[in-house]
C-alpha atoms as a PDB file:
ATOM      1  CA  UNK A   1       0.000   0.000   0.000  1.00  0.00           C
ATOM      2  CA  UNK A   2       1.188   3.568  -0.538  1.00  0.00           C
ATOM      3  CA  UNK A   3       2.486   5.546   2.392  1.00  0.00           C
ATOM      4  CA  UNK A   4      -0.720   7.536   2.728  1.00  0.00           C
ATOM      5  CA  UNK A   5      -2.936   4.450   2.933  1.00  0.00           C
ATOM      6  CA  UNK A   6      -4.721   3.801   6.245  1.00  0.00           C
ATOM      7  CA  UNK A   7      -2.735   1.507   8.524  1.00  0.00           C
ATOM      8  CA  UNK A   8      -4.070  -0.447  11.477  1.00  0.00           C
ATOM      9  CA  UNK A   9      -1.433  -0.920  14.171  1.00  0.00           C
ATOM     10  CA  UNK A  10      -2.869  -4.287  15.218  1.00  0.00           C
ATOM     11  CA  UNK A  11      -3.183  -5.796  11.766  1.00  0.00           C
ATOM     12  CA  UNK A  12      -6.970  -5.629  11.824  1.00  0.00           C
ATOM     13  CA  UNK A  13      -8.785  -5.924   8.488  1.00  0.00           C
ATOM     14  CA  UNK A  14      -9.819  -2.612   6.945  1.00  0.00           C
ATOM     15  CA  UNK A  15     -13.075  -2.868   5.012  1.00  0.00           C
ATOM     16  CA  UNK A  16     -14.204  -0.561   2.230  1.00  0.00           C
ATOM     17  CA  UNK A  17     -17.605  -1.195   0.666  1.00  0.00           C
ATOM     18  CA  UNK A  18     -19.857   0.691  -1.719  1.00  0.00           C
ATOM     19  CA  UNK A  19     -22.721  -0.481   0.509  1.00  0.00           C
ATOM     20  CA  UNK A  20     -21.682   2.273   2.935  1.00  0.00           C
ATOM     21  CA  UNK A  21     -22.049   4.997   0.287  1.00  0.00           C
ATOM     22  CA  UNK A  22     -25.074   6.792  -1.236  1.00  0.00           C
ATOM     23  CA  UNK A  23     -26.021   4.979  -4.449  1.00  0.00           C
ATOM     24  CA  UNK A  24     -25.682   8.031  -6.677  1.00  0.00           C
ATOM     25  CA  UNK A  25     -22.206   8.877  -5.346  1.00  0.00           C
ATOM     26  CA  UNK A  26     -20.699   5.399  -5.138  1.00  0.00           C
ATOM     27  CA  UNK A  27     -18.681   5.422  -8.311  1.00  0.00           C
ATOM     28  CA  UNK A  28     -17.348   8.965  -7.945  1.00  0.00           C
ATOM     29  CA  UNK A  29     -16.265   8.431  -4.317  1.00  0.00           C
ATOM     30  CA  UNK A  30     -14.812   5.015  -5.045  1.00  0.00           C
ATOM     31  CA  UNK A  31     -12.785   6.267  -7.993  1.00  0.00           C
ATOM     32  CA  UNK A  32     -11.323   9.212  -6.110  1.00  0.00           C
ATOM     33  CA  UNK A  33     -10.870   7.891  -2.572  1.00  0.00           C
ATOM     34  CA  UNK A  34     -10.281   4.167  -2.991  1.00  0.00           C
ATOM     35  CA  UNK A  35      -8.928   4.265  -6.518  1.00  0.00           C
ATOM     36  CA  UNK A  36      -6.632   7.242  -6.907  1.00  0.00           C
ATOM     37  CA  UNK A  37      -5.863   8.010  -3.247  1.00  0.00           C
ATOM     38  CA  UNK A  38      -5.580   4.612  -1.549  1.00  0.00           C
ATOM     39  CA  UNK A  39      -4.839   2.053  -4.300  1.00  0.00           C
ATOM     40  CA  UNK A  40      -3.271   4.593  -6.684  1.00  0.00           C
ATOM     41  CA  UNK A  41      -5.311   3.235  -9.589  1.00  0.00           C
ATOM     42  CA  UNK A  42      -7.631   4.833 -12.117  1.00  0.00           C
ATOM     43  CA  UNK A  43     -10.953   2.961 -12.050  1.00  0.00           C
ATOM     44  CA  UNK A  44     -13.668   2.951 -14.717  1.00  0.00           C
ATOM     45  CA  UNK A  45     -16.762   0.720 -14.795  1.00  0.00           C
ATOM     46  CA  UNK A  46     -17.416  -1.613 -17.720  1.00  0.00           C
ATOM     47  CA  UNK A  47     -21.002  -2.030 -18.863  1.00  0.00           C
ATOM     48  CA  UNK A  48     -24.139  -0.306 -17.673  1.00  0.00           C
ATOM     49  CA  UNK A  49     -25.006  -2.260 -14.551  1.00  0.00           C
ATOM     50  CA  UNK A  50     -24.780  -0.773 -11.054  1.00  0.00           C
ATOM     51  CA  UNK A  51     -21.249  -0.556  -9.697  1.00  0.00           C
ATOM     52  CA  UNK A  52     -20.461  -2.429  -6.502  1.00  0.00           C
ATOM     53  CA  UNK A  53     -17.280  -3.327  -4.697  1.00  0.00           C
ATOM     54  CA  UNK A  54     -16.351  -4.799  -1.352  1.00  0.00           C
ATOM     55  CA  UNK A  55     -12.694  -4.747  -0.335  1.00  0.00           C
ATOM     56  CA  UNK A  56     -10.975  -5.980   2.808  1.00  0.00           C
ATOM     57  CA  UNK A  57      -7.294  -5.129   3.303  1.00  0.00           C
ATOM     58  CA  UNK A  58      -4.837  -6.033   5.993  1.00  0.00           C
ATOM     59  CA  UNK A  59      -1.542  -4.177   6.377  1.00  0.00           C
ATOM     60  CA  UNK A  60       1.378  -6.247   7.670  1.00  0.00           C
ATOM     61  CA  UNK A  61       5.122  -5.579   7.843  1.00  0.00           C
ATOM     62  CA  UNK A  62       6.418  -5.287   4.253  1.00  0.00           C
ATOM     63  CA  UNK A  63       3.190  -6.672   2.842  1.00  0.00           C
ATOM     64  CA  UNK A  64      -0.466  -5.873   2.285  1.00  0.00           C
ATOM     65  CA  UNK A  65      -3.118  -8.424   1.426  1.00  0.00           C
ATOM     66  CA  UNK A  66      -6.463  -7.509  -0.103  1.00  0.00           C
ATOM     67  CA  UNK A  67      -9.545  -9.603  -0.787  1.00  0.00           C
ATOM     68  CA  UNK A  68     -11.788  -8.019  -3.394  1.00  0.00           C
ATOM     69  CA  UNK A  69     -15.267  -8.536  -4.761  1.00  0.00           C
ATOM     70  CA  UNK A  70     -16.130  -6.190  -7.632  1.00  0.00           C
ATOM     71  CA  UNK A  71     -18.484  -5.811 -10.585  1.00  0.00           C
ATOM     72  CA  UNK A  72     -17.229  -5.215 -14.137  1.00  0.00           C
ATOM     73  CA  UNK A  73     -14.458  -2.621 -14.026  1.00  0.00           C
ATOM     74  CA  UNK A  74     -11.133  -1.594 -15.557  1.00  0.00           C
ATOM     75  CA  UNK A  75      -8.335  -0.508 -13.230  1.00  0.00           C
ATOM     76  CA  UNK A  76      -5.243   1.185 -14.631  1.00  0.00           C
ATOM     77  CA  UNK A  77      -1.869   2.123 -13.274  1.00  0.00           C
ATOM     78  CA  UNK A  78      -1.288   5.073 -15.619  1.00  0.00           C
ATOM     79  CA  UNK A  79       1.883   6.995 -16.473  1.00  0.00           C
ATOM     80  CA  UNK A  80       0.634   9.787 -14.241  1.00  0.00           C
ATOM     81  CA  UNK A  81       0.198   7.439 -11.290  1.00  0.00           C
ATOM     82  CA  UNK A  82       3.489   5.545 -11.636  1.00  0.00           C
ATOM     83  CA  UNK A  83       5.236   8.893 -11.131  1.00  0.00           C
ATOM     84  CA  UNK A  84       4.801   8.248  -7.392  1.00  0.00           C
ATOM     85  CA  UNK A  85       7.886   6.025  -7.608  1.00  0.00           C
ATOM     86  CA  UNK A  86       6.283   2.998  -5.980  1.00  0.00           C
ATOM     87  CA  UNK A  87       7.915  -0.197  -7.322  1.00  0.00           C
ATOM     88  CA  UNK A  88       5.989  -2.800  -5.322  1.00  0.00           C
ATOM     89  CA  UNK A  89       5.355  -6.199  -6.860  1.00  0.00           C
ATOM     90  CA  UNK A  90       1.815  -7.592  -6.917  1.00  0.00           C
ATOM     91  CA  UNK A  91       0.565 -11.138  -7.044  1.00  0.00           C
ATOM     92  CA  UNK A  92      -3.075 -11.185  -8.127  1.00  0.00           C
ATOM     93  CA  UNK A  93      -5.230 -14.309  -8.078  1.00  0.00           C
ATOM     94  CA  UNK A  94      -8.731 -14.600  -9.516  1.00  0.00           C
ATOM     95  CA  UNK A  95     -10.715 -16.764  -7.115  1.00  0.00           C
ATOM     96  CA  UNK A  96     -13.983 -16.662  -9.081  1.00  0.00           C
ATOM     97  CA  UNK A  97     -14.801 -14.903 -12.335  1.00  0.00           C
ATOM     98  CA  UNK A  98     -12.183 -13.681 -14.758  1.00  0.00           C
ATOM     99  CA  UNK A  99      -9.815 -10.902 -15.702  1.00  0.00           C
ATOM    100  CA  UNK A 100      -7.550  -9.624 -18.464  1.00  0.00           C
ATOM    101  CA  UNK A 101      -4.190  -8.135 -17.500  1.00  0.00           C
ATOM    102  CA  UNK A 102      -2.276  -5.875 -19.903  1.00  0.00           C
ATOM    103  CA  UNK A 103       1.323  -5.180 -18.907  1.00  0.00           C
ATOM    104  CA  UNK A 104       4.663  -4.797 -20.692  1.00  0.00           C
ATOM    105  CA  UNK A 105       2.953  -4.913 -24.071  1.00  0.00           C
ATOM    106  CA  UNK A 106       1.411  -8.310 -23.355  1.00  0.00           C
ATOM    107  CA  UNK A 107      -2.002  -9.575 -22.326  1.00  0.00           C
ATOM    108  CA  UNK A 108      -2.855 -12.481 -20.046  1.00  0.00           C
ATOM    109  CA  UNK A 109      -6.380 -13.737 -19.462  1.00  0.00           C
ATOM    110  CA  UNK A 110      -6.952 -15.207 -16.023  1.00  0.00           C
ATOM    111  CA  UNK A 111      -9.626 -17.661 -14.991  1.00  0.00           C
ATOM    112  CA  UNK A 112     -10.713 -18.938 -11.605  1.00  0.00           C
ATOM    113  CA  UNK A 113      -7.804 -20.020  -9.426  1.00  0.00           C
ATOM    114  CA  UNK A 114      -5.069 -18.598 -11.663  1.00  0.00           C
ATOM    115  CA  UNK A 115      -2.610 -15.888 -10.694  1.00  0.00           C
ATOM    116  CA  UNK A 116      -0.042 -13.527 -12.183  1.00  0.00           C
ATOM    117  CA  UNK A 117       2.822 -11.293 -11.061  1.00  0.00           C
ATOM    118  CA  UNK A 118       3.203  -7.688 -12.233  1.00  0.00           C
ATOM    119  CA  UNK A 119       5.042  -4.532 -11.271  1.00  0.00           C
ATOM    120  CA  UNK A 120       3.590  -1.387  -9.766  1.00  0.00           C
ATOM    121  CA  UNK A 121       6.453   0.613 -11.288  1.00  0.00           C
ATOM    122  CA  UNK A 122       5.123   0.134 -14.817  1.00  0.00           C
ATOM    123  CA  UNK A 123       1.925   0.954 -16.671  1.00  0.00           C
ATOM    124  CA  UNK A 124      -0.683  -1.790 -16.353  1.00  0.00           C
ATOM    125  CA  UNK A 125      -4.388  -2.407 -16.869  1.00  0.00           C
ATOM    126  CA  UNK A 126      -6.691  -5.036 -15.419  1.00  0.00           C
ATOM    127  CA  UNK A 127     -10.148  -5.520 -16.949  1.00  0.00           C
ATOM    128  CA  UNK A 128     -12.776  -7.455 -15.004  1.00  0.00           C
ATOM    129  CA  UNK A 129     -15.644  -8.273 -17.414  1.00  0.00           C
ATOM    130  CA  UNK A 130     -18.112  -9.528 -14.819  1.00  0.00           C
ATOM    131  CA  UNK A 131     -18.626  -9.844 -11.091  1.00  0.00           C
ATOM    132  CA  UNK A 132     -15.433 -11.418  -9.785  1.00  0.00           C
ATOM    133  CA  UNK A 133     -13.725 -12.268  -6.530  1.00  0.00           C
ATOM    134  CA  UNK A 134      -9.988 -12.040  -6.187  1.00  0.00           C
ATOM    135  CA  UNK A 135      -6.964 -11.749  -3.998  1.00  0.00           C
ATOM    136  CA  UNK A 136      -3.999  -9.390  -4.260  1.00  0.00           C
ATOM    137  CA  UNK A 137      -0.765  -9.371  -2.287  1.00  0.00           C
ATOM    138  CA  UNK A 138       1.550  -6.398  -2.561  1.00  0.00           C
ATOM    139  CA  UNK A 139       5.188  -6.560  -1.488  1.00  0.00           C
ATOM    140  CA  UNK A 140       8.170  -4.225  -1.788  1.00  0.00           C
ATOM    141  CA  UNK A 141      10.438  -5.340  -4.586  1.00  0.00           C
ATOM    142  CA  UNK A 142      13.390  -5.404  -2.172  1.00  0.00           C
ATOM    143  CA  UNK A 143      11.685  -8.139  -0.132  1.00  0.00           C
ATOM    144  CA  UNK A 144      11.158 -10.494  -3.087  1.00  0.00           C
ATOM    145  CA  UNK A 145      14.408 -10.080  -5.006  1.00  0.00           C
ATOM    146  CA  UNK A 146      16.555 -12.002  -2.457  1.00  0.00           C
ATOM    147  CA  UNK A 147      14.044 -14.870  -2.580  1.00  0.00           C
ATOM    148  CA  UNK A 148      13.432 -14.802  -6.358  1.00  0.00           C
ATOM    149  CA  UNK A 149      16.545 -13.502  -8.155  1.00  0.00           C
ATOM    150  CA  UNK A 150      14.838 -14.040 -11.557  1.00  0.00           C
ATOM    151  CA  UNK A 151      11.860 -11.923 -10.502  1.00  0.00           C
ATOM    152  CA  UNK A 152      11.798  -9.800 -13.685  1.00  0.00           C
ATOM    153  CA  UNK A 153      11.584 -12.941 -15.817  1.00  0.00           C
ATOM    154  CA  UNK A 154       8.571 -14.110 -13.805  1.00  0.00           C
ATOM    155  CA  UNK A 155       6.546 -10.931 -14.342  1.00  0.00           C
ATOM    156  CA  UNK A 156       3.583 -11.570 -16.652  1.00  0.00           C
ATOM    157  CA  UNK A 157       3.898 -15.336 -16.324  1.00  0.00           C
ATOM    158  CA  UNK A 158       0.598 -17.026 -15.540  1.00  0.00           C
ATOM    159  CA  UNK A 159       0.622 -19.045 -12.317  1.00  0.00           C
ATOM    160  CA  UNK A 160      -1.643 -22.075 -12.892  1.00  0.00           C
ATOM    161  CA  UNK A 161      -4.523 -22.865 -10.595  1.00  0.00           C
ATOM    162  CA  UNK A 162      -2.843 -26.194  -9.756  1.00  0.00           C
ATOM    163  CA  UNK A 163       0.217 -24.414  -8.291  1.00  0.00           C
ATOM    164  CA  UNK A 164       0.384 -25.809  -4.747  1.00  0.00           C
ATOM    165  CA  UNK A 165       1.942 -22.682  -3.232  1.00  0.00           C
ATOM    166  CA  UNK A 166      -0.760 -20.495  -4.811  1.00  0.00           C
ATOM    167  CA  UNK A 167      -3.488 -22.774  -3.451  1.00  0.00           C
ATOM    168  CA  UNK A 168      -1.900 -22.697  -0.015  1.00  0.00           C
ATOM    169  CA  UNK A 169      -1.606 -18.932  -0.211  1.00  0.00           C
ATOM    170  CA  UNK A 170      -5.334 -18.634  -0.875  1.00  0.00           C
ATOM    171  CA  UNK A 171      -6.093 -21.061   1.962  1.00  0.00           C
ATOM    172  CA  UNK A 172      -3.832 -19.150   4.361  1.00  0.00           C
ATOM    173  CA  UNK A 173      -5.443 -15.807   3.521  1.00  0.00           C
ATOM    174  CA  UNK A 174      -8.924 -17.313   3.893  1.00  0.00           C
ATOM    175  CA  UNK A 175      -7.998 -18.533   7.386  1.00  0.00           C
ATOM    176  CA  UNK A 176      -6.449 -15.165   8.181  1.00  0.00           C
ATOM    177  CA  UNK A 177      -9.622 -13.385   7.079  1.00  0.00           C
ATOM    178  CA  UNK A 178     -11.509 -15.223   9.786  1.00  0.00           C
ATOM    179  CA  UNK A 179      -9.312 -13.544  12.425  1.00  0.00           C
ATOM    180  CA  UNK A 180     -10.352 -10.086  13.593  1.00  0.00           C
ATOM    181  CA  UNK A 181      -6.884  -8.832  14.445  1.00  0.00           C
ATOM    182  CA  UNK A 182      -3.260  -9.755  15.058  1.00  0.00           C
ATOM    183  CA  UNK A 183      -2.428  -7.862  18.236  1.00  0.00           C
ATOM    184  CA  UNK A 184       1.075  -9.270  18.698  1.00  0.00           C
ATOM    185  CA  UNK A 185       3.802  -7.554  16.625  1.00  0.00           C
ATOM    186  CA  UNK A 186       5.727 -10.850  16.613  1.00  0.00           C
ATOM    187  CA  UNK A 187       2.704 -12.666  15.183  1.00  0.00           C
ATOM    188  CA  UNK A 188       2.295 -10.025  12.468  1.00  0.00           C
ATOM    189  CA  UNK A 189       5.955 -10.492  11.529  1.00  0.00           C
ATOM    190  CA  UNK A 190       5.543 -14.284  11.382  1.00  0.00           C
ATOM    191  CA  UNK A 191       2.379 -14.105   9.258  1.00  0.00           C
ATOM    192  CA  UNK A 192       4.006 -11.618   6.887  1.00  0.00           C
ATOM    193  CA  UNK A 193       7.084 -13.826   6.481  1.00  0.00           C
ATOM    194  CA  UNK A 194       4.918 -16.860   5.770  1.00  0.00           C
ATOM    195  CA  UNK A 195       3.019 -14.962   3.080  1.00  0.00           C
ATOM    196  CA  UNK A 196       6.234 -13.631   1.547  1.00  0.00           C
ATOM    197  CA  UNK A 197       7.599 -17.171   1.367  1.00  0.00           C
ATOM    198  CA  UNK A 198       4.412 -18.437  -0.265  1.00  0.00           C
ATOM    199  CA  UNK A 199       4.471 -15.674  -2.868  1.00  0.00           C
ATOM    200  CA  UNK A 200       8.092 -16.549  -3.671  1.00  0.00           C
ATOM    201  CA  UNK A 201       7.249 -20.251  -3.852  1.00  0.00           C
ATOM    202  CA  UNK A 202       4.277 -19.547  -6.153  1.00  0.00           C
ATOM    203  CA  UNK A 203       6.477 -17.482  -8.479  1.00  0.00           C
ATOM    204  CA  UNK A 204       9.013 -20.285  -8.559  1.00  0.00           C
ATOM    205  CA  UNK A 205      11.988 -19.785  -6.280  1.00  0.00           C
ATOM    206  CA  UNK A 206      14.869 -22.006  -7.342  1.00  0.00           C
ATOM    207  CA  UNK A 207      18.037 -23.542  -5.929  1.00  0.00           C
ATOM    208  CA  UNK A 208      19.047 -22.786  -2.377  1.00  0.00           C
ATOM    209  CA  UNK A 209      16.248 -20.232  -1.921  1.00  0.00           C
ATOM    210  CA  UNK A 210      13.616 -22.814  -2.829  1.00  0.00           C
ATOM    211  CA  UNK A 211      14.977 -25.174  -0.173  1.00  0.00           C
ATOM    212  CA  UNK A 212      15.048 -22.389   2.429  1.00  0.00           C
ATOM    213  CA  UNK A 213      11.451 -21.478   1.622  1.00  0.00           C
ATOM    214  CA  UNK A 214      10.381 -25.117   1.684  1.00  0.00           C
ATOM    215  CA  UNK A 215      11.894 -25.681   5.103  1.00  0.00           C
ATOM    216  CA  UNK A 216      11.045 -22.310   6.612  1.00  0.00           C
ATOM    217  CA  UNK A 217       7.878 -21.228   4.951  1.00  0.00           C
ATOM    218  CA  UNK A 218       5.562 -23.589   3.136  1.00  0.00           C
ATOM    219  CA  UNK A 219       5.046 -26.170   5.879  1.00  0.00           C
ATOM    220  CA  UNK A 220       4.977 -23.462   8.539  1.00  0.00           C
ATOM    221  CA  UNK A 221       2.478 -21.443   6.536  1.00  0.00           C
ATOM    222  CA  UNK A 222       0.200 -24.423   6.099  1.00  0.00           C
ATOM    223  CA  UNK A 223       0.403 -25.177   9.817  1.00  0.00           C
ATOM    224  CA  UNK A 224      -0.298 -21.541  10.685  1.00  0.00           C
ATOM    225  CA  UNK A 225      -3.331 -21.521   8.391  1.00  0.00           C
ATOM    226  CA  UNK A 226      -4.613 -24.668  10.098  1.00  0.00           C
ATOM    227  CA  UNK A 227      -4.046 -23.180  13.554  1.00  0.00           C
ATOM    228  CA  UNK A 228      -5.896 -20.005  12.609  1.00  0.00           C
ATOM    229  CA  UNK A 229      -8.769 -22.122  11.288  1.00  0.00           C
ATOM    230  CA  UNK A 230      -8.886 -24.133  14.518  1.00  0.00           C
ATOM    231  CA  UNK A 231      -9.044 -20.960  16.602  1.00  0.00           C
ATOM    232  CA  UNK A 232     -11.825 -19.595  14.416  1.00  0.00           C
ATOM    233  CA  UNK A 233     -13.873 -22.822  14.676  1.00  0.00           C
ATOM    234  CA  UNK A 234     -12.981 -23.724  18.248  1.00  0.00           C
ATOM    235  CA  UNK A 235     -16.628 -24.177  19.241  1.00  0.00           C
ATOM    236  CA  UNK A 236     -17.277 -26.764  16.529  1.00  0.00           C
ATOM    237  CA  UNK A 237     -17.965 -30.021  18.328  1.00  0.00           C
ATOM    238  CA  UNK A 238     -16.855 -32.119  15.368  1.00  0.00           C
ATOM    239  CA  UNK A 239     -13.512 -30.378  14.965  1.00  0.00           C
ATOM    240  CA  UNK A 240     -10.996 -33.118  14.211  1.00  0.00           C
ATOM    241  CA  UNK A 241      -7.847 -33.683  12.174  1.00  0.00           C
ATOM    242  CA  UNK A 242     -10.001 -35.213   9.442  1.00  0.00           C
ATOM    243  CA  UNK A 243     -12.412 -32.248   9.425  1.00  0.00           C
ATOM    244  CA  UNK A 244      -9.686 -29.598   9.332  1.00  0.00           C
ATOM    245  CA  UNK A 245      -7.614 -31.504   6.760  1.00  0.00           C
ATOM    246  CA  UNK A 246     -10.569 -31.704   4.382  1.00  0.00           C
ATOM    247  CA  UNK A 247     -10.997 -27.925   4.622  1.00  0.00           C
ATOM    248  CA  UNK A 248      -7.353 -27.427   3.617  1.00  0.00           C
ATOM    249  CA  UNK A 249      -7.184 -30.074   0.909  1.00  0.00           C
ATOM    250  CA  UNK A 250      -4.653 -32.310   2.642  1.00  0.00           C
ATOM    251  CA  UNK A 251      -4.725 -35.699   4.339  1.00  0.00           C
ATOM    252  CA  UNK A 252      -5.375 -36.018   8.064  1.00  0.00           C
ATOM    253  CA  UNK A 253      -2.040 -37.814   8.395  1.00  0.00           C
ATOM    254  CA  UNK A 254      -0.166 -34.894   6.851  1.00  0.00           C
ATOM    255  CA  UNK A 255      -2.013 -32.454   9.118  1.00  0.00           C
ATOM    256  CA  UNK A 256      -0.932 -34.461  12.153  1.00  0.00           C
ATOM    257  CA  UNK A 257       2.691 -34.581  10.944  1.00  0.00           C
ATOM    258  CA  UNK A 258       2.758 -30.787  10.684  1.00  0.00           C
ATOM    259  CA  UNK A 259       2.009 -30.578  14.408  1.00  0.00           C
ATOM    260  CA  UNK A 260       4.464 -33.348  15.234  1.00  0.00           C
ATOM    261  CA  UNK A 261       7.213 -31.318  13.540  1.00  0.00           C
ATOM    262  CA  UNK A 262       6.679 -28.772  16.339  1.00  0.00           C
ATOM    263  CA  UNK A 263       6.900 -31.549  18.941  1.00  0.00           C
ATOM    264  CA  UNK A 264       3.224 -31.445  19.759  1.00  0.00           C
ATOM    265  CA  UNK A 265       0.135 -33.121  18.335  1.00  0.00           C
ATOM    266  CA  UNK A 266      -3.120 -32.018  16.774  1.00  0.00           C
ATOM    267  CA  UNK A 267      -5.036 -33.233  19.813  1.00  0.00           C
ATOM    268  CA  UNK A 268      -2.734 -31.405  22.250  1.00  0.00           C
ATOM    269  CA  UNK A 269      -3.018 -28.132  20.327  1.00  0.00           C
ATOM    270  CA  UNK A 270      -6.796 -28.436  20.072  1.00  0.00           C
ATOM    271  CA  UNK A 271      -7.162 -29.152  23.792  1.00  0.00           C
ATOM    272  CA  UNK A 272      -4.815 -26.318  24.796  1.00  0.00           C
ATOM    273  CA  UNK A 273      -6.659 -23.872  22.529  1.00  0.00           C
ATOM    274  CA  UNK A 274     -10.057 -24.857  23.900  1.00  0.00           C
ATOM    275  CA  UNK A 275      -8.851 -24.567  27.494  1.00  0.00           C
ATOM    276  CA  UNK A 276      -7.237 -21.175  26.864  1.00  0.00           C
ATOM    277  CA  UNK A 277     -10.430 -19.899  25.248  1.00  0.00           C
ATOM    278  CA  UNK A 278     -12.524 -21.189  28.154  1.00  0.00           C
ATOM    279  CA  UNK A 279     -10.102 -19.583  30.638  1.00  0.00           C
ATOM    280  CA  UNK A 280     -10.494 -16.230  28.896  1.00  0.00           C
ATOM    281  CA  UNK A 281     -14.298 -16.475  28.867  1.00  0.00           C
ATOM    282  CA  UNK A 282     -14.423 -17.422  32.545  1.00  0.00           C
ATOM    283  CA  UNK A 283     -12.427 -14.310  33.444  1.00  0.00           C
ATOM    284  CA  UNK A 284     -14.671 -12.020  31.401  1.00  0.00           C
ATOM    285  CA  UNK A 285     -16.975 -10.173  33.801  1.00  0.00           C
ATOM    286  CA  UNK A 286     -19.430  -9.524  30.952  1.00  0.00           C
ATOM    287  CA  UNK A 287     -20.120 -13.286  30.914  1.00  0.00           C
ATOM    288  CA  UNK A 288     -20.622 -13.677  34.659  1.00  0.00           C
ATOM    289  CA  UNK A 289     -24.221 -14.828  34.160  1.00  0.00           C
ATOM    290  CA  UNK A 290     -23.184 -17.756  31.966  1.00  0.00           C
ATOM    291  CA  UNK A 291     -22.780 -21.157  33.588  1.00  0.00           C
ATOM    292  CA  UNK A 292     -19.481 -22.991  33.535  1.00  0.00           C
ATOM    293  CA  UNK A 293     -21.082 -25.780  31.542  1.00  0.00           C
ATOM    294  CA  UNK A 294     -22.357 -23.411  28.837  1.00  0.00           C
ATOM    295  CA  UNK A 295     -18.875 -21.965  28.454  1.00  0.00           C
ATOM    296  CA  UNK A 296     -17.359 -25.448  28.244  1.00  0.00           C
ATOM    297  CA  UNK A 297     -19.827 -26.474  25.555  1.00  0.00           C
ATOM    298  CA  UNK A 298     -19.321 -23.210  23.641  1.00  0.00           C
ATOM    299  CA  UNK A 299     -15.614 -23.966  23.134  1.00  0.00           C
ATOM    300  CA  UNK A 300     -16.255 -27.498  21.904  1.00  0.00           C
ATOM    301  CA  UNK A 301     -16.185 -29.709  25.018  1.00  0.00           C
ATOM    302  CA  UNK A 302     -18.859 -32.376  25.010  1.00  0.00           C
ATOM    303  CA  UNK A 303     -18.034 -33.870  28.423  1.00  0.00           C
ATOM    304  CA  UNK A 304     -18.191 -31.528  31.425  1.00  0.00           C
ATOM    305  CA  UNK A 305     -16.243 -33.818  33.757  1.00  0.00           C
ATOM    306  CA  UNK A 306     -13.435 -34.105  31.193  1.00  0.00           C
ATOM    307  CA  UNK A 307     -13.410 -30.316  30.842  1.00  0.00           C
ATOM    308  CA  UNK A 308     -13.168 -29.799  34.619  1.00  0.00           C
ATOM    309  CA  UNK A 309     -10.426 -32.405  34.955  1.00  0.00           C
ATOM    310  CA  UNK A 310      -8.237 -31.095  32.114  1.00  0.00           C
ATOM    311  CA  UNK A 311      -8.837 -27.468  33.117  1.00  0.00           C
ATOM    312  CA  UNK A 312      -7.634 -28.095  36.689  1.00  0.00           C
ATOM    313  CA  UNK A 313      -4.620 -29.997  35.396  1.00  0.00           C
ATOM    314  CA  UNK A 314      -3.703 -27.075  33.115  1.00  0.00           C
ATOM    315  CA  UNK A 315      -4.329 -24.133  35.457  1.00  0.00           C
ATOM    316  CA  UNK A 316      -4.129 -25.662  38.949  1.00  0.00           C
ATOM    317  CA  UNK A 317      -7.607 -24.357  39.772  1.00  0.00           C
ATOM    318  CA  UNK A 318     -11.129 -25.374  38.862  1.00  0.00           C
ATOM    319  CA  UNK A 319     -13.168 -23.306  36.365  1.00  0.00           C
ATOM    320  CA  UNK A 320     -15.297 -22.035  39.280  1.00  0.00           C
ATOM    321  CA  UNK A 321     -12.156 -20.983  41.159  1.00  0.00           C
ATOM    322  CA  UNK A 322     -10.941 -18.976  38.146  1.00  0.00           C
ATOM    323  CA  UNK A 323     -14.292 -17.252  37.873  1.00  0.00           C
ATOM    324  CA  UNK A 324     -14.348 -16.423  41.599  1.00  0.00           C
ATOM    325  CA  UNK A 325     -10.778 -15.150  41.411  1.00  0.00           C
ATOM    326  CA  UNK A 326     -11.707 -12.827  38.541  1.00  0.00           C
ATOM    327  CA  UNK A 327     -14.748 -11.551  40.455  1.00  0.00           C
ATOM    328  CA  UNK A 328     -12.647 -10.763  43.529  1.00  0.00           C
ATOM    329  CA  UNK A 329     -10.177  -8.839  41.413  1.00  0.00           C
ATOM    330  CA  UNK A 330     -12.942  -6.717  39.898  1.00  0.00           C
ATOM    331  CA  UNK A 331     -14.507  -6.055  43.309  1.00  0.00           C
ATOM    332  CA  UNK A 332     -11.145  -5.004  44.703  1.00  0.00           C
END
């Protein structure tokens, strides 16, 4: 994102939607505020239908990630706009719908699941002929060059839908979108590094860099995406390795091995996450009227005695003790 774009210090998603604007002013406001000021693009609708767009962006260290739903439109990075000197590299993926990218005197048509790399430092045009949903990651050139020395050769090369790193990237972002914020600076750094590695892997890092990314990034990114998905669905009673693996297009055995590589297990992580969530809810004075059992069930426990036993083992106190302790603190 450009330097004048809005930045959330906790990595919370920033949503921009035409639904928030008066119908008659939507296009004009979107073109000026979102287009030219924030995205530094010139936007023009295609066709006569009503214009609509819904964009969610998250700003992370050395990276921004944007999920976009938009009706038929052409966006252009014109000669006037590239005078801002921004040389970021973008990876754009069409999730559903289609698009036509014109860049460096070439055209590439993208279908669902396909991606492409292009440069913000050069004139470009993207035409979306119909309602489409997509994903765009924007990184400083200086971040990618050490990972992908042949970066310039990769620009305007179509990344196929079957590219495993691109699929994992989409899965990771989808899991990330289900998180409200990333309060920890360390976590924001980790997530950004994972995404950078996945972008490099999708482009086609080679040699030593590919091995570094494979060891450091791809497996870690997949595990992080799974963990984020577990946290988001912690109250799902049927949450299992099989259930989560199916959502991420991998085998349950592979999902378990990802956890074992961190010297833990899927079951241990799931239990610890459920207990931590229950502990937080029990200490929340706004939930003082909720029973211990309702809180246990809300975080996915189906057996109250098992919940009480594992909770005491983890925290040294019963759930009721934790609640009473929190109440005493508030009264004091």
